[in-house]
């Protein structure tokens, strides 16, 4: 039995050292609850405040996209180099090993294919399934200016409410239809609406003219969407410019898994995002790794 007197004698209260209250490292996230912050800290690297998300959720509306025909063969080798995976529950359950330690961002909106009006989405995943799958965020498509704009915004706000109840952040994905303007003015509008209505972070596209105004006017973190396939140096340049102009990382898919060497490309992207490497040096790294 422990000696009561010895226990008293050994206590140290450090009365001369004030308790430190650590501010959270992510923009606009300091007032969130502990569980939200913990999940965001698994998506975003606390040392850099940035993330390399690997987006492989394209099949939910366009089927077996080039490079995603076999997730087990083409994508699983890339997983160790990503900070987080963005995918659907079907792929997560059927292919991704439960031993994977990378955080998961789960696609939770859906309902139409490329054959129909894409903005006509609903919430397609119950919050309970997100909890069961232990995800770190839920991704909802938002179609500002689209035919079903209001419906997509309400989809997002519902997930914000559900997620807040259980400590799971919501990622708003700003979709760009074929008839929508793709300029800084549009993206300032789209990202700000999503943030104002509660999205915890936002995925949007890079524009060469004024992207810094998009990130500056958005009160929560923005990750850059990779978009269509570009030559490797161009994609690295876009990623570099985005993070230098205020993005908190990238969410790339086709520019990684459709690359001539996806494993080399994701490592080059990681160098740009987390190490502030120049596009040229990152491209050199890509070629070195590609030729190994």
Protein backbone atom coordinates (compact mmCIF):
# COMPACT_ATOMS: atom_id res chain seq x y z
CA UNK A 1 0.00 0.00 0.00
CA UNK A 2 1.47 3.44 -0.92
CA UNK A 3 2.79 5.66 1.83
CA UNK A 4 0.44 8.64 2.12
CA UNK A 5 3.12 10.95 3.49
CA UNK A 6 5.56 10.12 0.70
CA UNK A 7 2.88 10.81 -1.91
CA UNK A 8 2.23 14.24 -0.44
CA UNK A 9 5.92 15.06 -0.31
CA UNK A 10 6.45 14.14 -3.97
CA UNK A 11 3.71 16.33 -5.43
CA UNK A 12 4.78 19.22 -7.67
CA UNK A 13 2.31 21.89 -8.74
CA UNK A 14 4.68 24.16 -10.72
CA UNK A 15 2.96 27.25 -9.34
CA UNK A 16 5.44 29.48 -11.18
CA UNK A 17 4.56 28.02 -14.60
CA UNK A 18 1.25 29.14 -16.16
CA UNK A 19 -0.69 26.45 -18.02
CA UNK A 20 -0.30 26.89 -21.75
CA UNK A 21 -3.38 27.01 -23.99
CA UNK A 22 -2.38 25.99 -27.47
CA UNK A 23 -4.09 27.70 -30.35
CA UNK A 24 -5.14 25.40 -33.18
CA UNK A 25 -2.96 25.63 -36.27
CA UNK A 26 -5.70 25.69 -38.92
CA UNK A 27 -7.28 28.88 -40.18
CA UNK A 28 -10.75 29.52 -38.76
CA UNK A 29 -10.80 26.32 -36.72
CA UNK A 30 -9.82 27.38 -33.22
CA UNK A 31 -13.37 27.39 -31.82
CA UNK A 32 -14.13 23.83 -32.96
CA UNK A 33 -14.53 20.98 -30.50
CA UNK A 34 -11.66 18.63 -29.68
CA UNK A 35 -12.90 15.80 -31.91
CA UNK A 36 -13.22 18.09 -34.93
CA UNK A 37 -9.72 19.43 -34.39
CA UNK A 38 -8.29 15.97 -33.93
CA UNK A 39 -9.79 14.80 -37.20
CA UNK A 40 -8.61 17.91 -39.06
CA UNK A 41 -5.13 17.40 -37.61
CA UNK A 42 -5.10 13.97 -39.25
CA UNK A 43 -6.02 15.49 -42.61
CA UNK A 44 -3.69 18.49 -42.39
CA UNK A 45 -0.10 18.01 -41.27
CA UNK A 46 0.29 20.07 -38.05
CA UNK A 47 3.93 20.84 -38.93
CA UNK A 48 3.12 22.50 -42.25
CA UNK A 49 -0.60 23.22 -41.94
CA UNK A 50 -1.08 21.61 -45.34
CA UNK A 51 -2.35 18.38 -46.87
CA UNK A 52 -1.87 16.20 -49.92
CA UNK A 53 -5.23 14.57 -50.49
CA UNK A 54 -5.49 11.80 -53.05
CA UNK A 55 -8.89 12.01 -54.76
CA UNK A 56 -10.14 8.69 -56.14
CA UNK A 57 -13.91 9.23 -55.84
CA UNK A 58 -14.51 9.95 -59.56
CA UNK A 59 -16.32 6.66 -60.12
CA UNK A 60 -19.35 7.75 -58.11
CA UNK A 61 -20.65 9.65 -61.15
CA UNK A 62 -18.46 8.65 -64.11
CA UNK A 63 -17.69 4.99 -63.56
CA UNK A 64 -14.23 3.42 -64.04
CA UNK A 65 -12.25 6.53 -64.89
CA UNK A 66 -8.91 6.06 -66.69
CA UNK A 67 -6.39 5.18 -64.00
CA UNK A 68 -9.10 3.99 -61.62
CA UNK A 69 -10.07 0.81 -63.46
CA UNK A 70 -8.40 -1.23 -60.70
CA UNK A 71 -8.11 0.65 -57.41
CA UNK A 72 -6.29 -2.30 -55.84
CA UNK A 73 -3.56 -2.25 -58.48
CA UNK A 74 -3.31 1.43 -59.40
CA UNK A 75 -4.13 3.31 -56.20
CA UNK A 76 -3.10 1.26 -53.16
CA UNK A 77 0.65 1.70 -53.98
CA UNK A 78 0.11 5.49 -53.75
CA UNK A 79 -1.55 5.45 -50.34
CA UNK A 80 1.63 5.60 -48.21
CA UNK A 81 2.57 8.93 -49.80
CA UNK A 82 -0.79 10.67 -49.26
CA UNK A 83 -1.91 12.48 -46.13
CA UNK A 84 -5.50 11.47 -46.74
CA UNK A 85 -7.69 9.56 -49.19
CA UNK A 86 -10.90 10.97 -50.64
CA UNK A 87 -13.14 8.15 -51.81
CA UNK A 88 -16.54 6.46 -51.60
CA UNK A 89 -17.72 3.99 -48.99
CA UNK A 90 -18.01 1.25 -51.60
CA UNK A 91 -14.32 1.46 -52.50
CA UNK A 92 -13.31 1.91 -48.86
CA UNK A 93 -15.09 -1.23 -47.74
CA UNK A 94 -14.28 -3.43 -50.72
CA UNK A 95 -10.66 -2.56 -51.43
CA UNK A 96 -8.86 -0.41 -48.84
CA UNK A 97 -7.23 -2.47 -46.06
CA UNK A 98 -8.39 -1.54 -42.54
CA UNK A 99 -4.72 -1.36 -41.55
CA UNK A 100 -4.29 1.83 -43.63
CA UNK A 101 -3.43 4.66 -41.24
CA UNK A 102 -4.09 7.56 -43.60
CA UNK A 103 -7.16 9.63 -42.79
CA UNK A 104 -10.30 9.14 -44.85
CA UNK A 105 -12.48 11.83 -46.42
CA UNK A 106 -15.72 10.18 -47.47
CA UNK A 107 -17.82 11.25 -50.43
CA UNK A 108 -21.36 11.54 -49.06
CA UNK A 109 -23.28 13.30 -51.84
CA UNK A 110 -24.45 11.70 -55.06
CA UNK A 111 -27.44 10.63 -57.09
CA UNK A 112 -26.73 11.43 -60.74
CA UNK A 113 -24.29 10.26 -63.40
CA UNK A 114 -22.51 12.05 -66.23
CA UNK A 115 -25.56 11.13 -68.36
CA UNK A 116 -27.81 13.47 -66.34
CA UNK A 117 -27.78 16.89 -64.67
CA UNK A 118 -24.89 16.60 -62.20
CA UNK A 119 -26.15 19.26 -59.81
CA UNK A 120 -29.22 17.16 -58.96
CA UNK A 121 -27.57 15.48 -55.98
CA UNK A 122 -28.82 14.42 -52.58
CA UNK A 123 -27.14 13.20 -49.42
CA UNK A 124 -26.25 9.61 -50.29
CA UNK A 125 -24.60 8.41 -47.06
CA UNK A 126 -26.08 8.35 -43.57
CA UNK A 127 -24.05 10.02 -40.82
CA UNK A 128 -24.06 6.73 -38.93
CA UNK A 129 -22.14 5.09 -41.75
CA UNK A 130 -19.54 7.86 -41.61
CA UNK A 131 -19.16 7.14 -37.90
CA UNK A 132 -18.91 3.39 -38.49
CA UNK A 133 -16.18 3.96 -41.06
CA UNK A 134 -14.24 6.23 -38.69
CA UNK A 135 -13.83 8.95 -41.32
CA UNK A 136 -12.11 12.27 -40.69
CA UNK A 137 -14.35 14.38 -42.94
CA UNK A 138 -17.37 14.14 -45.22
CA UNK A 139 -17.31 15.65 -48.73
CA UNK A 140 -20.38 17.26 -50.26
CA UNK A 141 -20.58 18.73 -53.77
CA UNK A 142 -21.95 22.29 -53.93
CA UNK A 143 -23.12 23.68 -57.27
CA UNK A 144 -23.16 27.47 -56.92
CA UNK A 145 -24.93 28.77 -60.01
CA UNK A 146 -26.10 25.30 -61.02
CA UNK A 147 -29.65 24.26 -61.77
CA UNK A 148 -29.99 22.63 -58.34
CA UNK A 149 -27.90 25.18 -56.44
CA UNK A 150 -30.25 25.48 -53.47
CA UNK A 151 -30.59 21.73 -53.06
CA UNK A 152 -26.81 21.23 -53.07
CA UNK A 153 -26.32 24.01 -50.50
CA UNK A 154 -28.94 22.46 -48.22
CA UNK A 155 -27.21 19.09 -48.65
CA UNK A 156 -24.03 20.68 -47.33
CA UNK A 157 -25.68 22.43 -44.40
CA UNK A 158 -27.40 19.22 -43.34
CA UNK A 159 -24.05 17.43 -43.24
CA UNK A 160 -22.51 20.32 -41.29
CA UNK A 161 -25.28 19.90 -38.69
CA UNK A 162 -24.94 16.10 -38.56
CA UNK A 163 -21.15 16.27 -38.51
CA UNK A 164 -21.05 18.89 -35.78
CA UNK A 165 -23.25 16.65 -33.64
CA UNK A 166 -20.67 13.87 -33.86
CA UNK A 167 -17.40 15.76 -34.33
CA UNK A 168 -16.86 15.07 -38.04
CA UNK A 169 -15.86 18.00 -40.31
CA UNK A 170 -17.58 18.73 -43.61
CA UNK A 171 -15.64 19.43 -46.79
CA UNK A 172 -17.54 21.52 -49.34
CA UNK A 173 -16.48 20.78 -52.92
CA UNK A 174 -17.22 23.66 -55.28
CA UNK A 175 -18.38 22.11 -58.54
CA UNK A 176 -17.98 23.96 -61.81
CA UNK A 177 -20.51 23.21 -64.53
CA UNK A 178 -19.84 23.71 -68.21
CA UNK A 179 -21.77 27.00 -68.28
CA UNK A 180 -20.25 28.49 -65.11
CA UNK A 181 -17.56 31.18 -65.12
CA UNK A 182 -14.21 29.87 -63.91
CA UNK A 183 -12.68 33.05 -62.53
CA UNK A 184 -11.69 34.44 -59.14
CA UNK A 185 -14.97 36.33 -58.78
CA UNK A 186 -16.97 33.11 -59.09
CA UNK A 187 -14.73 31.17 -56.71
CA UNK A 188 -14.80 33.97 -54.14
CA UNK A 189 -18.58 33.72 -54.25
CA UNK A 190 -18.70 29.92 -54.09
CA UNK A 191 -16.12 29.44 -51.34
CA UNK A 192 -17.45 32.25 -49.17
CA UNK A 193 -21.02 30.91 -49.34
CA UNK A 194 -19.82 27.47 -48.26
CA UNK A 195 -17.77 28.90 -45.39
CA UNK A 196 -20.55 31.22 -44.24
CA UNK A 197 -22.93 28.25 -44.04
CA UNK A 198 -20.56 26.18 -41.94
CA UNK A 199 -18.19 24.14 -44.13
CA UNK A 200 -15.03 23.38 -42.17
CA UNK A 201 -12.81 23.45 -45.24
CA UNK A 202 -13.34 23.84 -48.96
CA UNK A 203 -12.03 22.28 -52.15
CA UNK A 204 -11.94 24.62 -55.12
CA UNK A 205 -10.09 25.19 -58.39
CA UNK A 206 -7.01 27.28 -59.05
CA UNK A 207 -7.19 30.35 -61.25
CA UNK A 208 -4.07 32.20 -62.36
CA UNK A 209 -5.58 35.64 -61.97
CA UNK A 210 -6.65 36.46 -58.41
CA UNK A 211 -6.46 33.11 -56.62
CA UNK A 212 -4.91 34.84 -53.60
CA UNK A 213 -8.13 36.86 -53.25
CA UNK A 214 -10.10 33.60 -53.11
CA UNK A 215 -8.01 32.23 -50.23
CA UNK A 216 -7.85 35.60 -48.45
CA UNK A 217 -11.63 36.12 -48.48
CA UNK A 218 -12.41 32.57 -47.31
CA UNK A 219 -12.29 32.26 -43.50
CA UNK A 220 -11.58 28.50 -43.51
CA UNK A 221 -8.85 26.43 -45.22
CA UNK A 222 -8.97 25.92 -48.97
CA UNK A 223 -7.45 22.92 -50.76
CA UNK A 224 -6.83 23.17 -54.48
CA UNK A 225 -8.65 20.75 -56.77
CA UNK A 226 -6.36 19.13 -59.31
CA UNK A 227 -8.83 19.23 -62.19
CA UNK A 228 -8.09 17.85 -65.62
CA UNK A 229 -4.85 16.05 -66.44
CA UNK A 230 -1.94 18.39 -67.17
CA UNK A 231 1.70 17.74 -68.08
CA UNK A 232 3.58 16.93 -64.88
CA UNK A 233 5.56 20.20 -64.71
CA UNK A 234 2.39 22.22 -65.30
CA UNK A 235 0.56 20.37 -62.53
CA UNK A 236 3.45 20.91 -60.12
CA UNK A 237 3.56 24.58 -61.05
CA UNK A 238 -0.16 24.93 -60.39
CA UNK A 239 0.18 23.21 -57.00
CA UNK A 240 3.14 25.41 -56.08
CA UNK A 241 1.33 28.61 -57.00
CA UNK A 242 -1.79 27.55 -55.12
CA UNK A 243 -0.02 26.91 -51.81
CA UNK A 244 2.12 30.02 -52.17
CA UNK A 245 -1.06 32.01 -52.73
CA UNK A 246 -2.78 30.74 -49.61
CA UNK A 247 -4.11 27.23 -50.25
CA UNK A 248 -3.71 24.77 -47.37
CA UNK A 249 -2.79 21.96 -49.71
CA UNK A 250 -4.11 20.10 -52.73
CA UNK A 251 -6.65 17.40 -53.50
CA UNK A 252 -5.31 15.80 -56.67
CA UNK A 253 -6.58 12.82 -58.59
CA UNK A 254 -6.05 12.64 -62.35
CA UNK A 255 -2.81 14.62 -62.21
CA UNK A 256 -1.43 11.85 -60.01
CA UNK A 257 -3.04 8.55 -61.00
CA UNK A 258 -3.00 9.37 -64.74
CA UNK A 259 0.66 10.38 -64.64
CA UNK A 260 3.25 8.23 -66.44
CA UNK A 261 4.62 7.44 -62.97
CA UNK A 262 1.96 7.99 -60.28
CA UNK A 263 4.23 6.99 -57.38
CA UNK A 264 6.87 9.48 -58.49
CA UNK A 265 4.28 12.19 -59.11
CA UNK A 266 2.64 12.02 -55.70
CA UNK A 267 6.06 12.32 -54.07
CA UNK A 268 6.85 15.34 -56.22
CA UNK A 269 3.52 16.94 -55.25
CA UNK A 270 4.28 16.23 -51.62
CA UNK A 271 7.64 18.02 -51.96
CA UNK A 272 5.89 21.10 -53.37
CA UNK A 273 3.18 21.15 -50.71
CA UNK A 274 5.09 20.25 -47.55
CA UNK A 275 8.67 21.26 -48.39
CA UNK A 276 7.95 24.40 -50.45
CA UNK A 277 10.00 22.89 -53.27
CA UNK A 278 10.05 24.77 -56.55
CA UNK A 279 8.16 23.19 -59.47
CA UNK A 280 11.42 22.70 -61.37
CA UNK A 281 13.14 20.86 -58.52
CA UNK A 282 10.02 18.83 -57.85
CA UNK A 283 9.93 17.89 -61.53
CA UNK A 284 13.57 16.80 -61.30
CA UNK A 285 12.61 14.65 -58.32
CA UNK A 286 9.74 13.20 -60.36
CA UNK A 287 12.11 12.22 -63.18
CA UNK A 288 14.65 10.71 -60.79
CA UNK A 289 12.01 8.59 -59.07
CA UNK A 290 10.37 7.71 -62.38
CA UNK A 291 13.61 6.33 -63.79
CA UNK A 292 14.56 4.27 -60.76
